[in-house]
Structure formats: C-alpha cells, structure tokens
Amino acid sequence: MNNDLRQGHLFALAAFGIWGTFPIFFKHMSTVPAWEILAYRISWSMVLLVAFLSLTRQLSSVFSIVFNLSQSRWLFCSASLIAVNWVTFIWAVNDGRILETSLGYFFTPIVNILIGLIFFKEKLRALQWLAVLLATLGVGYQVAMLGHLPWISLTLALSFGFYGAIRKQTTVSAINGLAIETLLLCPFALAYLGWLALEDNLSFSMSTPALDLLLISTGLVTILPLIWFAAAARRLPMTTIGFWQYTTPTITMQLAIWLYDEPFDQHKLIPFLFIWAGLVIFSFDSVSFGRKQRQWQAQTAR
C-alpha cells in the first residue's frame, strides 16, 4: 500500500470514527435543548471556518460565491437541509433513540439511489433494484411494527440524501460550501441565541464550565471530521469511501446497544437485516460494475 492510500485510510478512519461517536458527545449536553445546541454548533463552526479560511487564504473566494445568486440559492437550500439533519440527530440522541439514527444513516445510500432514479433520470441495474426492494421491505416492516412511519430514520436519510443531491448542483468545495452554508444560517442562529438571552433561558455561561466547553467544541467536532473526510476523498477511490461510510452507523448502533442499553429485540433487528442485505448487494454491484468499466476503458485505450 503506497503512502497516499495509507494516509487516505487513516483520514477516513478518523472522520467516520468521530462521526460514529457523536452520540457520546451530544449525550453530555442532554440538558440543553436540541435547537439551542444547533445554534451553538452553527455559530462556533462559523468562527472556526473564518479562522481556517483566513489562514488558508480562501476567505475572499467564499465571499465571492455568496454574492453569486445561482450558487448561494442552492447553498441556502442545502444549509436548511443540513440544519434539519443536525437538529433531528441531536434531538434523537438526547431522547434515547440512537438506534433510529443508525438505521437512518444505513438507509441513506438507498435514498441516494432513489434520488438518482427520480430526479436525475439515472438508470438502475437489476441488483440495484433488488437493493432498493430489500431496504423498502425493511422500512415497511418497521412501519408495521411501530404502527407509524419511522420519522427519525426517514428524516435523517432524506435530509442527507437531498443535501447531497443539491450540493451536486454547485461547484463549491466541501469546506467552502460548509462555510457558506454556515454563514447563511448564522443570522438565524445568533437571533435565536439572542432571544434566549433576553428570556434568561440561555444555557451558555449559566451552567458549568464543562458544559460551556462542550458547547464551544460543537464547532470543532463539526469542522475537523469534514477536513479529514476531504483529505481522505482526495486519496481514496469513491468506492472505498463508500465502504468507509458504513463505519459511522455501525459504531452508532454498537453504542446504542452496549453503552446506552437501548432495547434491541428481533423486531428491531429485522429492518436492519433487510437494509444490510440491500447494502451488501448494492456494494457488490458497485464494485463489480466499476471493475467492468475499468476493464472496458483499458481495452479501448489499446
């Protein structure tokens, strides 16, 4: 394994590993309402992003994109979706529903396939149709057992899936895109925190120094894994990144069961089995199709 690949795997492990342990981080802030945590996450992320982009001399390019209406319009939509994703995850973790978040992120690749089919007119291969069918059966079983839609899992999967689809409409890098999204959300976050302060309901500086430090660090745990992910994506094939992404919900699932003692009976296992089967088939199809494409390109290049 060459040095670039080794570094890519280490960056991927760091990024997806940190994302997988997010429940531990947010559980320590369970006394703070989810919307308030979201506001701190946006605000402190903006502070760190401005510092990072200033050091890397990218700040001027970010502001030029903000004033590009066609780009900023898409980024405002993606910012709204990632805010929904973040606040749903935070609320679910602090409400003791970590397993549902894990199921949502396992379901996300299937949502991406459906978005490609419906909105980008992509053609599905036979194995991809089978993967979609199995995942749909898993969600259907959960609906039958719960008696209602698994809204946490679906909200996380749909918001992140459409977030990715909208970001495809832009030509902005991951870091610059997050900076603009955060910049667009920051006025709302600051206004909300200002209102909480006026109502004397602000958690920051009103509790323990440890909680204040955690609230400040929401910015760091947002930015750092994204930088590592970008570094991994530059060094690894996208199929490898695709396999790495399953690390996050796997870690989250293990934390839910073994650390936080969330109930996990056969009725909760079955939806996971359907979706895992779909993911195995989807991954196998992606790898085999990619191999065939490379073989065809090698033959035509001769």
Protein backbone atom coordinates (compact mmCIF):
# COMPACT_ATOMS: atom_id res chain seq x y z
CA MET A 1 0.00 0.00 0.00
CA ASN A 2 1.50 3.34 -1.05
CA ASN A 3 1.77 6.29 1.32
CA ASP A 4 -1.18 8.20 -0.19
CA LEU A 5 -3.53 5.26 0.25
CA ARG A 6 -2.33 4.64 3.81
CA GLN A 7 -2.93 8.28 4.70
CA GLY A 8 -6.33 8.17 2.99
CA HIS A 9 -7.44 5.22 5.11
CA LEU A 10 -6.22 6.93 8.29
CA PHE A 11 -8.10 10.14 7.41
CA ALA A 12 -11.24 8.11 6.61
CA LEU A 13 -10.99 6.19 9.89
CA ALA A 14 -10.61 9.48 11.80
CA ALA A 15 -13.54 11.19 10.05
CA PHE A 16 -16.06 8.34 10.10
CA GLY A 17 -14.92 7.24 13.56
CA ILE A 18 -15.54 10.71 15.02
CA TRP A 19 -18.96 10.88 13.35
CA GLY A 20 -19.77 7.46 14.79
CA THR A 21 -19.02 8.59 18.35
CA PHE A 22 -21.19 11.73 18.09
CA PRO A 23 -23.86 10.20 20.41
CA ILE A 24 -21.36 10.21 23.30
CA PHE A 25 -20.55 13.85 22.63
CA PHE A 26 -24.14 15.07 22.40
CA LYS A 27 -25.34 12.91 25.32
CA HIS A 28 -23.13 15.05 27.58
CA MET A 29 -25.24 18.06 26.56
CA SER A 30 -28.62 16.42 27.11
CA THR A 31 -29.71 19.20 29.48
CA VAL A 32 -29.56 21.70 26.60
CA PRO A 33 -32.49 21.78 24.10
CA ALA A 34 -31.64 20.47 20.62
CA TRP A 35 -32.42 23.76 18.86
CA GLU A 36 -30.09 25.63 21.18
CA ILE A 37 -27.28 23.11 20.60
CA LEU A 38 -27.85 23.56 16.85
CA ALA A 39 -27.49 27.33 17.21
CA TYR A 40 -24.19 26.93 19.09
CA ARG A 41 -22.98 24.43 16.51
CA ILE A 42 -23.65 26.85 13.66
CA SER A 43 -22.19 29.87 15.47
CA TRP A 44 -18.95 28.26 16.66
CA SER A 45 -18.50 26.49 13.31
CA MET A 46 -18.63 29.91 11.66
CA VAL A 47 -15.91 31.23 13.97
CA LEU A 48 -13.60 28.29 13.21
CA LEU A 49 -14.32 28.32 9.49
CA VAL A 50 -13.49 32.02 9.21
CA ALA A 51 -10.20 31.37 11.05
CA PHE A 52 -9.38 28.33 8.89
CA LEU A 53 -10.24 30.04 5.59
CA SER A 54 -8.27 33.13 6.61
CA LEU A 55 -5.18 31.01 7.33
CA THR A 56 -5.54 29.15 4.02
CA ARG A 57 -6.30 32.40 2.14
CA GLN A 58 -9.64 31.18 0.85
CA LEU A 59 -11.89 33.71 2.58
CA SER A 60 -12.19 36.09 -0.38
CA SER A 61 -13.31 33.25 -2.68
CA VAL A 62 -16.05 32.32 -0.18
CA PHE A 63 -17.49 35.84 -0.16
CA SER A 64 -17.40 35.97 -3.95
CA ILE A 65 -19.53 32.81 -4.06
CA VAL A 66 -22.01 34.28 -1.53
CA PHE A 67 -22.79 37.09 -3.97
CA ASN A 68 -23.25 34.61 -6.82
CA LEU A 69 -27.04 34.22 -6.71
CA SER A 70 -27.22 30.93 -8.63
CA GLN A 71 -24.72 29.27 -6.24
CA SER A 72 -25.92 30.85 -2.97
CA ARG A 73 -29.54 29.92 -3.73
CA TRP A 74 -28.62 26.23 -3.91
CA LEU A 75 -26.42 26.54 -0.84
CA PHE A 76 -29.23 28.11 1.19
CA CYS A 77 -31.39 25.07 0.34
CA SER A 78 -28.58 22.67 1.31
CA ALA A 79 -27.95 24.68 4.51
CA SER A 80 -31.62 24.29 5.50
CA LEU A 81 -31.45 20.54 4.91
CA ILE A 82 -28.26 20.02 6.91
CA ALA A 83 -29.76 22.07 9.77
CA VAL A 84 -32.80 19.75 9.77
CA ASN A 85 -30.45 16.75 9.73
CA TRP A 86 -28.33 18.07 12.61
CA VAL A 87 -31.21 19.04 14.89
CA THR A 88 -33.04 15.75 14.28
CA PHE A 89 -29.92 13.77 15.14
CA ILE A 90 -29.22 15.81 18.30
CA TRP A 91 -32.81 15.52 19.49
CA ALA A 92 -32.96 11.77 18.79
CA VAL A 93 -29.68 11.09 20.63
CA ASN A 94 -30.78 13.02 23.70
CA ASP A 95 -34.21 11.34 23.60
CA GLY A 96 -32.64 7.87 23.76
CA ARG A 97 -33.34 6.93 20.11
CA ILE A 98 -29.81 6.36 18.83
CA LEU A 99 -30.74 3.10 17.07
CA GLU A 100 -33.18 5.00 14.89
CA THR A 101 -30.41 7.40 13.84
CA SER A 102 -28.20 4.45 12.95
CA LEU A 103 -30.95 2.92 10.80
CA GLY A 104 -31.40 6.28 9.05
CA TYR A 105 -27.75 6.50 8.03
CA PHE A 106 -27.71 2.87 6.90
CA PHE A 107 -30.73 3.72 4.74
CA THR A 108 -29.11 6.84 3.22
CA PRO A 109 -27.28 5.08 0.30
CA ILE A 110 -30.61 3.58 -0.81
CA VAL A 111 -32.21 7.04 -0.66
CA ASN A 112 -29.35 8.29 -2.85
CA ILE A 113 -30.20 5.62 -5.43
CA LEU A 114 -33.87 6.65 -5.41
CA ILE A 115 -32.99 10.35 -5.76
CA GLY A 116 -30.78 9.50 -8.73
CA LEU A 117 -33.62 7.49 -10.29
CA ILE A 118 -36.39 10.04 -9.76
CA PHE A 119 -34.66 13.41 -10.11
CA PHE A 120 -31.60 12.71 -12.26
CA LYS A 121 -33.20 10.07 -14.52
CA GLU A 122 -30.43 7.59 -13.74
CA LYS A 123 -30.97 4.01 -14.81
CA LEU A 124 -30.87 1.29 -12.18
CA ARG A 125 -29.25 -2.04 -12.77
CA ALA A 126 -31.05 -5.23 -11.70
CA LEU A 127 -29.05 -5.64 -8.47
CA GLN A 128 -29.69 -2.01 -7.55
CA TRP A 129 -33.43 -2.59 -7.91
CA LEU A 130 -33.09 -5.61 -5.60
CA ALA A 131 -31.18 -3.48 -3.04
CA VAL A 132 -33.95 -0.85 -3.12
CA LEU A 133 -36.63 -3.54 -2.72
CA LEU A 134 -34.92 -5.08 0.32
CA ALA A 135 -34.43 -1.71 2.01
CA THR A 136 -38.06 -0.80 1.32
CA LEU A 137 -39.18 -4.07 2.88
CA GLY A 138 -37.08 -3.24 5.94
CA VAL A 139 -38.75 0.15 6.33
CA GLY A 140 -42.17 -1.42 5.66
CA TYR A 141 -41.59 -3.98 8.41
CA GLN A 142 -40.65 -1.23 10.85
CA VAL A 143 -43.81 0.70 9.94
CA ALA A 144 -45.88 -2.42 10.58
CA MET A 145 -44.26 -2.97 13.98
CA LEU A 146 -44.36 0.67 15.10
CA GLY A 147 -47.76 1.48 13.63
CA HIS A 148 -46.36 4.71 12.17
CA LEU A 149 -43.54 5.92 9.93
CA PRO A 150 -40.03 5.77 11.49
CA TRP A 151 -39.80 9.54 11.10
CA ILE A 152 -36.37 9.95 12.70
CA SER A 153 -34.71 7.42 10.38
CA LEU A 154 -36.51 8.76 7.31
CA THR A 155 -35.83 12.42 8.17
CA LEU A 156 -32.12 11.75 8.57
CA ALA A 157 -31.88 9.68 5.39
CA LEU A 158 -34.00 12.02 3.24
CA SER A 159 -32.43 15.26 4.51
CA PHE A 160 -28.90 13.97 3.98
CA GLY A 161 -29.76 12.40 0.63
CA PHE A 162 -31.31 15.60 -0.73
CA TYR A 163 -28.46 17.60 0.83
CA GLY A 164 -26.01 15.63 -1.31
CA ALA A 165 -28.22 15.99 -4.39
CA ILE A 166 -28.42 19.77 -4.01
CA ARG A 167 -24.67 20.07 -3.39
CA LYS A 168 -24.19 18.29 -6.74
CA GLN A 169 -25.72 21.38 -8.35
CA THR A 170 -22.86 23.54 -7.08
CA THR A 171 -19.18 23.68 -7.95
CA VAL A 172 -18.08 24.60 -4.43
CA SER A 173 -15.57 22.55 -2.40
CA ALA A 174 -16.69 20.79 0.79
CA ILE A 175 -15.05 23.30 3.16
CA ASN A 176 -16.06 26.41 1.22
CA GLY A 177 -19.58 25.05 0.83
CA LEU A 178 -19.93 24.41 4.56
CA ALA A 179 -18.58 27.92 5.25
CA ILE A 180 -21.23 29.49 3.02
CA GLU A 181 -24.00 27.29 4.42
CA THR A 182 -22.95 28.24 7.95
CA LEU A 183 -22.73 31.91 7.01
CA LEU A 184 -26.29 31.78 5.63
CA LEU A 185 -27.60 30.07 8.78
CA CYS A 186 -25.60 32.17 11.25
CA PRO A 187 -28.02 35.17 11.44
CA PHE A 188 -30.87 32.82 12.41
CA ALA A 189 -28.69 31.04 15.00
CA LEU A 190 -27.49 34.30 16.56
CA ALA A 191 -31.01 35.74 16.59
CA TYR A 192 -32.28 32.62 18.39
CA LEU A 193 -29.46 32.75 20.96
CA GLY A 194 -30.12 36.47 21.44
CA TRP A 195 -33.79 35.77 22.11
CA LEU A 196 -32.88 33.05 24.62
CA ALA A 197 -30.56 35.51 26.37
CA LEU A 198 -33.34 38.11 26.59
CA GLU A 199 -35.65 35.47 28.04
CA ASP A 200 -32.90 34.45 30.51
CA ASN A 201 -33.00 30.89 29.10
CA LEU A 202 -29.51 30.73 27.61
CA SER A 203 -27.57 27.65 28.69
CA PHE A 204 -24.12 29.06 27.88
CA SER A 205 -22.34 30.60 30.91
CA MET A 206 -25.39 29.77 33.02
CA SER A 207 -24.29 26.22 33.85
CA THR A 208 -20.93 24.51 34.46
CA PRO A 209 -17.64 25.42 32.73
CA ALA A 210 -17.51 21.85 31.39
CA LEU A 211 -20.84 22.30 29.58
CA ASP A 212 -19.69 25.67 28.21
CA LEU A 213 -16.57 23.99 26.82
CA LEU A 214 -18.66 21.27 25.19
CA LEU A 215 -20.93 23.86 23.58
CA ILE A 216 -17.92 25.73 22.21
CA SER A 217 -16.41 22.49 20.89
CA THR A 218 -19.51 21.78 18.76
CA GLY A 219 -17.78 23.91 16.13
CA LEU A 220 -14.57 21.88 16.29
CA VAL A 221 -16.29 18.48 16.02
CA THR A 222 -18.22 19.80 13.02
CA ILE A 223 -15.24 21.15 11.08
CA LEU A 224 -12.42 18.72 11.91
CA PRO A 225 -14.03 15.48 10.60
CA LEU A 226 -15.03 17.30 7.41
CA ILE A 227 -11.41 18.36 6.81
CA TRP A 228 -10.30 14.76 7.40
CA PHE A 229 -13.04 13.47 5.08
CA ALA A 230 -11.93 15.86 2.33
CA ALA A 231 -8.34 14.66 2.79
CA ALA A 232 -9.50 11.02 2.55
CA ALA A 233 -11.61 11.69 -0.54
CA ARG A 234 -8.58 13.15 -2.34
CA ARG A 235 -6.54 9.99 -1.69
CA LEU A 236 -9.06 7.12 -1.96
CA PRO A 237 -11.38 5.85 -4.71
CA MET A 238 -15.05 6.73 -4.17
CA THR A 239 -15.96 3.03 -3.87
CA THR A 240 -13.57 2.78 -0.91
CA ILE A 241 -15.09 5.90 0.64
CA GLY A 242 -18.49 4.28 0.13
CA PHE A 243 -17.45 1.29 2.22
CA TRP A 244 -15.95 3.52 4.91
CA GLN A 245 -19.23 5.43 5.31
CA TYR A 246 -20.85 2.37 6.90
CA THR A 247 -18.40 2.72 9.81
CA THR A 248 -20.39 5.62 11.26
CA PRO A 249 -23.83 3.96 11.69
CA THR A 250 -22.13 0.71 12.76
CA ILE A 251 -20.34 2.47 15.64
CA THR A 252 -23.52 4.37 16.50
CA MET A 253 -25.51 1.13 16.61
CA GLN A 254 -22.98 -0.54 18.91
CA LEU A 255 -23.04 2.47 21.26
CA ALA A 256 -26.84 2.39 21.39
CA ILE A 257 -26.93 -1.30 22.32
CA TRP A 258 -23.88 -1.74 24.55
CA LEU A 259 -23.30 1.67 26.12
CA TYR A 260 -26.79 3.16 26.36
CA ASP A 261 -28.78 -0.10 26.73
CA GLU A 262 -31.38 0.73 24.10
CA PRO A 263 -33.69 -2.28 23.60
CA PHE A 264 -32.77 -4.35 20.53
CA ASP A 265 -35.12 -7.29 20.07
CA GLN A 266 -35.85 -9.30 16.92
CA HIS A 267 -38.42 -6.76 15.73
CA LYS A 268 -35.72 -4.07 15.69
CA LEU A 269 -33.16 -6.46 14.18
CA ILE A 270 -35.26 -7.40 11.14
CA PRO A 271 -35.31 -3.91 9.49
CA PHE A 272 -31.53 -3.75 9.90
CA LEU A 273 -31.16 -7.20 8.29
CA PHE A 274 -33.19 -6.15 5.25
CA ILE A 275 -31.22 -2.92 4.84
CA TRP A 276 -27.86 -4.61 5.42
CA ALA A 277 -28.75 -7.19 2.76
CA GLY A 278 -29.61 -4.36 0.40
CA LEU A 279 -26.32 -2.60 1.18
CA VAL A 280 -24.29 -5.79 0.58
CA ILE A 281 -25.95 -6.25 -2.81
CA PHE A 282 -25.56 -2.56 -3.65
CA SER A 283 -21.85 -2.60 -2.69
CA PHE A 284 -21.20 -5.79 -4.64
CA ASP A 285 -22.89 -4.30 -7.70
CA SER A 286 -20.91 -1.03 -7.41
CA VAL A 287 -17.57 -2.85 -7.14
CA SER A 288 -18.27 -5.29 -9.98
CA PHE A 289 -19.63 -2.55 -12.26
CA GLY A 290 -16.61 -0.35 -11.52
CA ARG A 291 -14.27 -3.25 -12.33
CA LYS A 292 -16.03 -3.89 -15.65
CA GLN A 293 -15.81 -0.20 -16.55
CA ARG A 294 -12.07 -0.13 -15.85
CA GLN A 295 -11.55 -3.27 -17.94
CA TRP A 296 -13.52 -1.74 -20.81
CA GLN A 297 -11.55 1.52 -20.61
CA ALA A 298 -8.29 -0.42 -20.61
CA GLN A 299 -9.34 -2.39 -23.69
CA THR A 300 -10.48 0.68 -25.62
CA ALA A 301 -7.27 2.52 -24.75
CA ARG A 302 -5.17 -0.16 -26.51
